[in-house]
Protein backbone atom coordinates (compact mmCIF):
# COMPACT_ATOMS: atom_id res chain seq x y z
CA MET A 1 164.18 42.60 208.05
CA PRO A 2 161.28 40.74 209.70
CA ILE A 3 159.68 37.73 207.86
CA ARG A 4 156.02 37.07 207.68
CA ALA A 5 154.75 33.90 208.31
CA SER A 6 153.12 32.74 205.09
CA ALA A 7 152.17 29.38 203.53
CA ILE A 8 151.90 30.72 200.18
CA PRO A 9 154.99 31.83 197.91
CA ILE A 10 155.95 35.29 198.61
CA GLN A 11 158.63 37.78 197.03
CA PHE A 12 161.57 38.13 199.22
CA LEU A 13 165.50 39.07 198.83
CA CYS A 14 167.29 35.97 198.94
CA PRO A 15 170.28 36.38 201.71
CA TYR A 16 172.30 33.82 200.15
CA CYS A 17 172.52 34.85 196.42
CA GLY A 18 171.07 38.45 196.65
CA ASN A 19 168.48 38.19 193.87
CA TYR A 20 164.73 39.26 194.62
CA VAL A 21 162.51 36.01 193.89
CA VAL A 22 159.46 34.53 194.55
CA THR A 23 160.16 31.83 196.87
CA VAL A 24 159.27 28.02 195.94
CA THR A 25 157.30 26.03 198.59
CA THR A 26 157.36 22.72 199.50
CA ARG A 27 155.05 20.99 202.40
CA VAL A 28 157.22 19.05 204.96
CA PRO A 29 156.29 17.39 207.90
CA GLY A 30 156.55 19.44 211.18
CA VAL A 31 156.05 19.33 214.80
CA LEU A 32 152.08 19.24 214.56
CA SER A 33 152.15 16.46 211.96
CA TRP A 34 154.26 14.45 214.55
CA LEU A 35 152.14 15.17 217.25
CA LEU A 36 148.84 14.26 215.74
CA CYS A 37 150.54 11.03 214.41
CA MET A 38 151.73 10.15 217.80
CA GLY A 39 148.22 11.03 219.41
CA CYS A 40 146.16 8.74 217.15
CA ARG A 41 147.17 5.31 218.22
CA CYS A 42 145.35 3.44 215.42
CA PHE A 43 145.84 -0.12 214.28
CA LEU A 44 144.69 0.46 210.59
CA GLY A 45 147.17 3.12 209.80
CA CYS A 46 145.10 6.19 210.59
CA CYS A 47 148.13 7.71 212.37
CA PHE A 48 149.82 8.44 209.21
CA LEU A 49 146.78 10.76 207.92
CA PRO A 50 148.30 13.76 209.24
CA PHE A 51 151.23 13.26 206.64
CA CYS A 52 148.97 13.36 203.96
CA VAL A 53 146.82 16.68 204.76
CA ASP A 54 148.65 19.74 203.47
CA SER A 55 147.11 22.21 205.82
CA LEU A 56 148.78 20.07 208.63
CA MET A 57 152.40 20.13 207.45
CA ASP A 58 154.88 22.97 207.73
CA VAL A 59 155.75 25.08 204.67
CA LYS A 60 159.42 25.53 203.55
CA HIS A 61 160.31 28.33 201.32
CA THR A 62 163.24 28.05 199.13
CA CYS A 63 164.95 30.19 196.62
CA PRO A 64 164.81 29.37 192.92
CA VAL A 65 168.06 30.39 191.97
CA CYS A 66 170.24 29.08 194.69
CA GLN A 67 167.99 26.19 195.91
CA ASN A 68 168.77 27.62 199.67
CA GLU A 69 166.10 27.39 202.33
CA ILE A 70 165.27 30.94 203.22
CA PHE A 71 162.71 30.36 205.99
CA ARG A 72 159.93 27.77 207.35
CA TYR A 73 156.48 28.49 208.20
CA ASN A 74 155.72 26.31 211.23
CA HIS A 75 152.04 25.52 212.30
CA LEU A 76 153.13 25.08 215.80
């Protein structure tokens, strides 16, 4: 079954527990956040700004029943 990339919770059949669930989403730093952090060389701490902006972070989808990670939505 193909997984559609999405940053919002979706209904999905968990491959670990077999329940049909709505995924729980969590924002986590990804490649895009780290690249922007390394590219911004500021002495005032501006390089940490990509870790505070939700739209720049990856989204981890987990099952609310068994707590296993189902997939990640990567921005880059």
